[in-house]
Amino acid sequence: MSEAKIRIRDNGPFLVEGPVTLEDAEGNTYTIDKPAIALCRCGQSANRPFCDGAHKGCGFESNERA
């Protein structure tokens, strides 16, 4: 099985690549059938937890390093 890779994009979302299962706070699981998903970090996306590009217009800034 391939491993998932998570990249932190400066001033943008977490980019998750590879096979993943997303689980919400209630334990509901969603299998993602895409090669990559972008998860919102700015909190302004209308499609949370997924990124819709709202970080570009809300002044979100982050350049964290692991």
N, C-alpha and C. Protein backbone atom coordinates (compact mmCIF):
# COMPACT_ATOMS: atom_id res chain seq x y z
N MET A 1 0.84 -1.18 0.00
CA MET A 1 0.00 0.00 0.00
C MET A 1 0.88 1.24 0.00
N SER A 2 0.53 2.22 -0.82
CA SER A 2 1.29 3.46 -0.88
C SER A 2 1.01 4.31 0.34
N GLU A 3 1.97 5.15 0.67
CA GLU A 3 1.81 6.05 1.80
C GLU A 3 1.26 7.39 1.35
N ALA A 4 0.52 8.01 2.21
CA ALA A 4 0.03 9.36 1.94
C ALA A 4 1.15 10.36 2.25
N LYS A 5 1.13 11.45 1.54
CA LYS A 5 2.11 12.53 1.75
C LYS A 5 1.33 13.81 2.01
N ILE A 6 1.73 14.57 3.03
CA ILE A 6 1.08 15.83 3.36
C ILE A 6 2.10 16.93 3.20
N ARG A 7 1.77 17.90 2.34
CA ARG A 7 2.65 19.06 2.15
C ARG A 7 1.95 20.30 2.68
N ILE A 8 2.71 21.11 3.41
CA ILE A 8 2.18 22.37 3.93
C ILE A 8 2.52 23.45 2.91
N ARG A 9 1.51 24.08 2.33
CA ARG A 9 1.72 25.12 1.34
C ARG A 9 1.81 26.47 2.04
N ASP A 10 2.87 27.24 1.79
CA ASP A 10 2.97 28.58 2.38
C ASP A 10 1.73 29.38 2.04
N ASN A 11 1.13 29.99 3.06
CA ASN A 11 -0.05 30.84 2.90
C ASN A 11 -1.21 30.14 2.21
N GLY A 12 -1.26 28.82 2.35
CA GLY A 12 -2.31 28.06 1.68
C GLY A 12 -2.68 26.80 2.45
N PRO A 13 -3.27 25.84 1.75
CA PRO A 13 -3.81 24.65 2.40
C PRO A 13 -2.77 23.58 2.68
N PHE A 14 -3.21 22.54 3.39
CA PHE A 14 -2.46 21.30 3.48
C PHE A 14 -2.81 20.51 2.22
N LEU A 15 -1.83 20.09 1.45
CA LEU A 15 -2.05 19.28 0.27
C LEU A 15 -1.77 17.83 0.64
N VAL A 16 -2.80 16.99 0.56
CA VAL A 16 -2.68 15.59 0.95
C VAL A 16 -2.71 14.75 -0.33
N GLU A 17 -1.63 14.01 -0.55
CA GLU A 17 -1.50 13.19 -1.76
C GLU A 17 -1.46 11.72 -1.38
N GLY A 18 -2.10 10.91 -2.17
CA GLY A 18 -2.10 9.48 -1.94
C GLY A 18 -3.44 9.00 -1.42
N PRO A 19 -3.56 7.71 -1.20
CA PRO A 19 -4.84 7.16 -0.73
C PRO A 19 -5.08 7.55 0.73
N VAL A 20 -6.20 8.19 0.99
CA VAL A 20 -6.54 8.59 2.36
C VAL A 20 -8.01 8.34 2.62
N THR A 21 -8.33 8.19 3.90
CA THR A 21 -9.71 8.15 4.36
C THR A 21 -9.87 9.31 5.31
N LEU A 22 -10.87 10.14 5.08
CA LEU A 22 -11.15 11.29 5.93
C LEU A 22 -12.23 10.90 6.92
N GLU A 23 -12.01 11.19 8.21
CA GLU A 23 -12.97 10.87 9.25
C GLU A 23 -13.37 12.14 9.98
N ASP A 24 -14.67 12.40 10.11
CA ASP A 24 -15.12 13.61 10.81
C ASP A 24 -15.23 13.36 12.31
N ALA A 25 -15.61 14.38 13.07
CA ALA A 25 -15.66 14.31 14.52
C ALA A 25 -16.68 13.30 15.03
N GLU A 26 -17.65 12.94 14.20
CA GLU A 26 -18.66 11.95 14.60
C GLU A 26 -18.26 10.53 14.21
N GLY A 27 -17.09 10.39 13.58
CA GLY A 27 -16.63 9.06 13.19
C GLY A 27 -17.07 8.63 11.80
N ASN A 28 -17.76 9.50 11.08
CA ASN A 28 -18.15 9.18 9.71
C ASN A 28 -16.90 9.21 8.83
N THR A 29 -16.72 8.20 7.98
CA THR A 29 -15.54 8.14 7.13
C THR A 29 -15.91 8.35 5.67
N TYR A 30 -15.01 8.97 4.96
CA TYR A 30 -15.17 9.26 3.55
C TYR A 30 -13.89 8.85 2.84
N THR A 31 -14.01 7.93 1.90
CA THR A 31 -12.86 7.52 1.12
C THR A 31 -12.68 8.52 -0.01
N ILE A 32 -11.49 9.04 -0.15
CA ILE A 32 -11.18 10.03 -1.17
C ILE A 32 -10.63 9.31 -2.39
N ASP A 33 -11.29 9.45 -3.51
CA ASP A 33 -10.89 8.76 -4.74
C ASP A 33 -10.12 9.66 -5.69
N LYS A 34 -9.54 10.73 -5.19
CA LYS A 34 -8.76 11.65 -6.00
C LYS A 34 -7.28 11.44 -5.69
N PRO A 35 -6.39 11.80 -6.61
CA PRO A 35 -4.96 11.64 -6.32
C PRO A 35 -4.46 12.60 -5.24
N ALA A 36 -5.17 13.72 -5.03
CA ALA A 36 -4.76 14.69 -4.00
C ALA A 36 -5.97 15.52 -3.58
N ILE A 37 -5.95 15.97 -2.31
CA ILE A 37 -6.97 16.90 -1.82
C ILE A 37 -6.25 18.03 -1.10
N ALA A 38 -6.90 19.18 -1.04
CA ALA A 38 -6.36 20.33 -0.33
C ALA A 38 -7.29 20.62 0.85
N LEU A 39 -6.71 20.65 2.05
CA LEU A 39 -7.49 20.90 3.27
C LEU A 39 -7.27 22.34 3.73
N CYS A 40 -8.36 23.04 4.01
CA CYS A 40 -8.34 24.44 4.40
C CYS A 40 -7.60 24.65 5.72
N ARG A 41 -6.77 25.70 5.76
CA ARG A 41 -6.15 26.11 7.03
C ARG A 41 -6.61 27.48 7.46
N CYS A 42 -7.16 28.28 6.55
CA CYS A 42 -7.51 29.66 6.89
C CYS A 42 -8.86 29.77 7.59
N GLY A 43 -9.72 28.75 7.45
CA GLY A 43 -11.03 28.77 8.07
C GLY A 43 -12.09 29.52 7.30
N GLN A 44 -11.76 30.02 6.11
CA GLN A 44 -12.70 30.83 5.35
C GLN A 44 -13.36 30.09 4.18
N SER A 45 -12.97 28.86 3.93
CA SER A 45 -13.52 28.11 2.81
C SER A 45 -15.01 27.85 3.00
N ALA A 46 -15.77 27.98 1.93
CA ALA A 46 -17.20 27.66 1.97
C ALA A 46 -17.41 26.16 1.82
N ASN A 47 -16.34 25.42 1.60
CA ASN A 47 -16.42 23.99 1.36
C ASN A 47 -15.54 23.23 2.37
N ARG A 48 -15.47 23.74 3.61
CA ARG A 48 -14.62 23.09 4.62
C ARG A 48 -15.05 21.65 4.84
N PRO A 49 -14.11 20.76 5.04
CA PRO A 49 -12.71 21.01 5.36
C PRO A 49 -11.82 21.21 4.14
N PHE A 50 -12.42 21.23 2.96
CA PHE A 50 -11.62 21.36 1.74
C PHE A 50 -11.37 22.82 1.40
N CYS A 51 -10.24 23.08 0.79
CA CYS A 51 -9.86 24.43 0.40
C CYS A 51 -10.61 24.82 -0.88
N ASP A 52 -11.10 26.06 -0.92
CA ASP A 52 -11.72 26.58 -2.14
C ASP A 52 -10.99 27.83 -2.64
N GLY A 53 -9.80 28.10 -2.11
CA GLY A 53 -9.01 29.25 -2.54
C GLY A 53 -9.30 30.53 -1.78
N ALA A 54 -10.17 30.47 -0.77
CA ALA A 54 -10.55 31.67 -0.01
C ALA A 54 -9.35 32.31 0.69
N HIS A 55 -8.29 31.54 0.97
CA HIS A 55 -7.11 32.09 1.65
C HIS A 55 -6.45 33.22 0.85
N LYS A 56 -6.67 33.21 -0.44
CA LYS A 56 -6.06 34.24 -1.30
C LYS A 56 -6.65 35.63 -1.05
N GLY A 57 -7.90 35.69 -0.59
CA GLY A 57 -8.56 36.97 -0.40
C GLY A 57 -8.80 37.38 1.04
N CYS A 58 -8.40 36.55 2.00
CA CYS A 58 -8.72 36.88 3.39
C CYS A 58 -7.50 37.30 4.20
N GLY A 59 -6.34 37.37 3.55
CA GLY A 59 -5.14 37.80 4.26
C GLY A 59 -4.46 36.72 5.07
N PHE A 60 -4.80 35.46 4.83
CA PHE A 60 -4.19 34.36 5.58
C PHE A 60 -2.70 34.29 5.28
N GLU A 61 -1.91 34.20 6.34
CA GLU A 61 -0.46 34.07 6.19
C GLU A 61 0.04 33.00 7.14
N SER A 62 0.84 32.08 6.62
CA SER A 62 1.46 31.06 7.43
C SER A 62 2.59 30.44 6.64
N ASN A 63 3.75 30.34 7.24
CA ASN A 63 4.88 29.68 6.57
C ASN A 63 5.56 28.75 7.57
N GLU A 64 4.76 27.96 8.27
CA GLU A 64 5.26 27.04 9.28
C GLU A 64 6.18 26.00 8.66
N ARG A 65 7.14 25.54 9.44
CA ARG A 65 8.05 24.50 9.03
C ARG A 65 7.98 23.37 10.03
N ALA A 66 8.09 22.16 9.54
CA ALA A 66 8.06 20.98 10.42
C ALA A 66 9.36 20.89 11.19
